[in-house]
Amino acid sequence: QVQLVESGGGLVQAGGSLRLSCAASGRTFSNYVMGWFRQAPGKEREFVARITRNGAFTYGVDSVKGRFTISRDNAKNTVYLQMNNLKPEDTAVYYCAFGQRVGYPMDYWGEGTLVTVSS
């Protein structure tokens, strides 16, 4: 059974940093696209970043460019999201998701981890 488990969320002051991790089990995901999404209170879920099997990355939210970095470790079936200079508007539940192809719906989702940034 496939399982994605996020970790690393928590409460941080504005300007601080967090590193989210998402570890997958149940199969090998080295050929999958790995991504992060987030959903703030009262808002729709939005695409934050993705990274292909070859390491090509895309950021979906302009406000995170230059502050967030996505990376992956295929040997560990894990994707990371380094978040620096966090802002209150980054407060959200962050979800990891894996999919077979860019541009297609993701196949597997984690349960989410809450990130709260205080001002």
C-alpha atoms as a PDB file:
ATOM      1  CA  GLN A   1       0.000   0.000   0.000  1.00  0.00           C
ATOM      2  CA  VAL A   2       1.357   3.379  -1.005  1.00  0.00           C
ATOM      3  CA  GLN A   3       1.729   5.936   1.739  1.00  0.00           C
ATOM      4  CA  LEU A   4       3.083   9.490   1.690  1.00  0.00           C
ATOM      5  CA  VAL A   5       3.920  11.025   5.042  1.00  0.00           C
ATOM      6  CA  GLU A   6       4.778  14.697   5.437  1.00  0.00           C
ATOM      7  CA  SER A   7       6.763  16.088   8.337  1.00  0.00           C
ATOM      8  CA  GLY A   8       8.491  19.285   9.340  1.00  0.00           C
ATOM      9  CA  GLY A   9       5.544  21.610   9.726  1.00  0.00           C
ATOM     10  CA  GLY A  10       4.987  23.759  12.772  1.00  0.00           C
ATOM     11  CA  LEU A  11       4.820  27.281  14.149  1.00  0.00           C
ATOM     12  CA  VAL A  12       7.484  29.757  13.127  1.00  0.00           C
ATOM     13  CA  GLN A  13       7.896  33.504  13.294  1.00  0.00           C
ATOM     14  CA  ALA A  14       7.932  35.595  10.173  1.00  0.00           C
ATOM     15  CA  GLY A  15      11.382  35.528   8.617  1.00  0.00           C
ATOM     16  CA  GLY A  16      12.078  32.043   9.914  1.00  0.00           C
ATOM     17  CA  SER A  17      12.652  28.795   8.040  1.00  0.00           C
ATOM     18  CA  LEU A  18      11.183  25.333   7.905  1.00  0.00           C
ATOM     19  CA  ARG A  19      12.056  22.246   5.916  1.00  0.00           C
ATOM     20  CA  LEU A  20       9.220  19.967   4.944  1.00  0.00           C
ATOM     21  CA  SER A  21       9.834  16.346   4.083  1.00  0.00           C
ATOM     22  CA  CYS A  22       7.588  13.816   2.406  1.00  0.00           C
ATOM     23  CA  ALA A  23       8.616  10.192   2.609  1.00  0.00           C
ATOM     24  CA  ALA A  24       6.867   7.629   0.436  1.00  0.00           C
ATOM     25  CA  SER A  25       6.547   3.920   0.937  1.00  0.00           C
ATOM     26  CA  GLY A  26       4.893   1.056  -0.870  1.00  0.00           C
ATOM     27  CA  ARG A  27       6.667   1.389  -4.194  1.00  0.00           C
ATOM     28  CA  THR A  28       9.541   3.175  -5.923  1.00  0.00           C
ATOM     29  CA  PHE A  29       8.852   6.707  -7.114  1.00  0.00           C
ATOM     30  CA  SER A  30      12.129   7.560  -8.812  1.00  0.00           C
ATOM     31  CA  ASN A  31      10.331   8.058 -12.142  1.00  0.00           C
ATOM     32  CA  TYR A  32       7.494  10.117 -10.700  1.00  0.00           C
ATOM     33  CA  VAL A  33       6.959  13.844 -10.570  1.00  0.00           C
ATOM     34  CA  MET A  34       6.979  14.990  -6.945  1.00  0.00           C
ATOM     35  CA  GLY A  35       5.223  18.113  -5.854  1.00  0.00           C
ATOM     36  CA  TRP A  36       3.983  20.321  -3.057  1.00  0.00           C
ATOM     37  CA  PHE A  37       0.610  22.011  -2.774  1.00  0.00           C
ATOM     38  CA  ARG A  38      -0.869  24.128  -0.041  1.00  0.00           C
ATOM     39  CA  GLN A  39      -4.271  25.192   1.171  1.00  0.00           C
ATOM     40  CA  ALA A  40      -4.710  28.245   3.335  1.00  0.00           C
ATOM     41  CA  PRO A  41      -7.781  28.692   5.543  1.00  0.00           C
ATOM     42  CA  GLY A  42     -10.780  29.646   3.449  1.00  0.00           C
ATOM     43  CA  LYS A  43      -8.873  29.340   0.184  1.00  0.00           C
ATOM     44  CA  GLU A  44      -8.542  26.781  -2.557  1.00  0.00           C
ATOM     45  CA  ARG A  45      -5.583  24.472  -2.761  1.00  0.00           C
ATOM     46  CA  GLU A  46      -2.763  25.860  -4.877  1.00  0.00           C
ATOM     47  CA  PHE A  47       0.252  24.364  -6.560  1.00  0.00           C
ATOM     48  CA  VAL A  48       3.503  25.410  -4.901  1.00  0.00           C
ATOM     49  CA  ALA A  49       6.286  23.503  -6.626  1.00  0.00           C
ATOM     50  CA  ARG A  50       7.156  20.324  -8.452  1.00  0.00           C
ATOM     51  CA  ILE A  51      10.301  18.479  -9.453  1.00  0.00           C
ATOM     52  CA  THR A  52      10.633  15.911 -12.209  1.00  0.00           C
ATOM     53  CA  ARG A  53      12.588  12.688 -12.079  1.00  0.00           C
ATOM     54  CA  ASN A  54      15.438  14.486 -13.817  1.00  0.00           C
ATOM     55  CA  GLY A  55      15.493  17.315 -11.301  1.00  0.00           C
ATOM     56  CA  ALA A  56      13.757  19.981 -13.376  1.00  0.00           C
ATOM     57  CA  PHE A  57      11.681  22.156 -11.082  1.00  0.00           C
ATOM     58  CA  THR A  58       8.791  24.568 -11.423  1.00  0.00           C
ATOM     59  CA  TYR A  59       7.285  26.925  -8.879  1.00  0.00           C
ATOM     60  CA  GLY A  60       3.632  27.676  -9.206  1.00  0.00           C
ATOM     61  CA  VAL A  61       3.348  30.598  -6.814  1.00  0.00           C
ATOM     62  CA  ASP A  62       5.300  33.736  -7.679  1.00  0.00           C
ATOM     63  CA  SER A  63       5.540  34.779  -4.061  1.00  0.00           C
ATOM     64  CA  VAL A  64       7.603  31.715  -3.100  1.00  0.00           C
ATOM     65  CA  LYS A  65      10.199  32.092  -5.836  1.00  0.00           C
ATOM     66  CA  GLY A  66      13.544  32.882  -4.301  1.00  0.00           C
ATOM     67  CA  ARG A  67      12.374  31.741  -0.874  1.00  0.00           C
ATOM     68  CA  PHE A  68      11.325  28.094  -1.356  1.00  0.00           C
ATOM     69  CA  THR A  69      13.465  25.322  -2.792  1.00  0.00           C
ATOM     70  CA  ILE A  70      12.183  21.910  -3.810  1.00  0.00           C
ATOM     71  CA  SER A  71      14.505  18.924  -3.967  1.00  0.00           C
ATOM     72  CA  ARG A  72      14.303  15.165  -3.984  1.00  0.00           C
ATOM     73  CA  ASP A  73      16.231  12.093  -2.927  1.00  0.00           C
ATOM     74  CA  ASN A  74      15.206   9.177  -5.101  1.00  0.00           C
ATOM     75  CA  ALA A  75      17.130   6.684  -3.002  1.00  0.00           C
ATOM     76  CA  LYS A  76      14.981   7.654  -0.034  1.00  0.00           C
ATOM     77  CA  ASN A  77      11.733   8.097  -1.988  1.00  0.00           C
ATOM     78  CA  THR A  78      11.572  11.554  -0.432  1.00  0.00           C
ATOM     79  CA  VAL A  79      10.836  15.082  -1.582  1.00  0.00           C
ATOM     80  CA  TYR A  80      11.730  18.190   0.390  1.00  0.00           C
ATOM     81  CA  LEU A  81      10.593  21.780   0.506  1.00  0.00           C
ATOM     82  CA  GLN A  82      13.010  24.216   2.097  1.00  0.00           C
ATOM     83  CA  MET A  83      11.117  27.349   3.056  1.00  0.00           C
ATOM     84  CA  ASN A  84      13.077  30.455   4.002  1.00  0.00           C
ATOM     85  CA  ASN A  85      12.025  33.967   4.948  1.00  0.00           C
ATOM     86  CA  LEU A  86       8.550  32.713   5.750  1.00  0.00           C
ATOM     87  CA  LYS A  87       5.672  35.170   5.722  1.00  0.00           C
ATOM     88  CA  PRO A  88       2.266  35.052   7.447  1.00  0.00           C
ATOM     89  CA  GLU A  89       0.648  34.503   4.053  1.00  0.00           C
ATOM     90  CA  ASP A  90       2.547  31.209   3.785  1.00  0.00           C
ATOM     91  CA  THR A  91       0.351  29.837   6.564  1.00  0.00           C
ATOM     92  CA  ALA A  92      -1.401  26.762   5.176  1.00  0.00           C
ATOM     93  CA  VAL A  93      -1.633  23.017   5.222  1.00  0.00           C
ATOM     94  CA  TYR A  94       1.074  21.730   2.917  1.00  0.00           C
ATOM     95  CA  TYR A  95       0.519  18.537   0.971  1.00  0.00           C
ATOM     96  CA  CYS A  96       2.958  16.455  -1.007  1.00  0.00           C
ATOM     97  CA  ALA A  97       1.796  14.606  -4.071  1.00  0.00           C
ATOM     98  CA  PHE A  98       3.343  12.282  -6.613  1.00  0.00           C
ATOM     99  CA  GLY A  99       2.282  11.779 -10.188  1.00  0.00           C
ATOM    100  CA  GLN A 100       3.401   9.976 -13.293  1.00  0.00           C
ATOM    101  CA  ARG A 101       3.437  12.941 -15.662  1.00  0.00           C
ATOM    102  CA  VAL A 102       3.658  16.684 -15.596  1.00  0.00           C
ATOM    103  CA  GLY A 103       0.329  18.222 -16.477  1.00  0.00           C
ATOM    104  CA  TYR A 104      -1.710  15.278 -15.294  1.00  0.00           C
ATOM    105  CA  PRO A 105      -3.489  14.859 -11.970  1.00  0.00           C
ATOM    106  CA  MET A 106      -1.338  13.603  -9.164  1.00  0.00           C
ATOM    107  CA  ASP A 107      -1.797   9.939  -8.295  1.00  0.00           C
ATOM    108  CA  TYR A 108      -0.870   9.903  -4.627  1.00  0.00           C
ATOM    109  CA  TRP A 109      -1.335  12.440  -1.865  1.00  0.00           C
ATOM    110  CA  GLY A 110      -0.133  12.864   1.672  1.00  0.00           C
ATOM    111  CA  GLU A 111      -2.309  13.833   4.624  1.00  0.00           C
ATOM    112  CA  GLY A 112      -0.763  17.274   4.950  1.00  0.00           C
ATOM    113  CA  THR A 113       1.311  19.142   7.489  1.00  0.00           C
ATOM    114  CA  LEU A 114       0.344  22.481   8.995  1.00  0.00           C
ATOM    115  CA  VAL A 115       2.658  25.452   8.676  1.00  0.00           C
ATOM    116  CA  THR A 116       1.778  28.501  10.741  1.00  0.00           C
ATOM    117  CA  VAL A 117       3.761  31.706  10.375  1.00  0.00           C
ATOM    118  CA  SER A 118       3.211  34.318  13.042  1.00  0.00           C
ATOM    119  CA  SER A 119       3.777  38.006  12.442  1.00  0.00           C
END
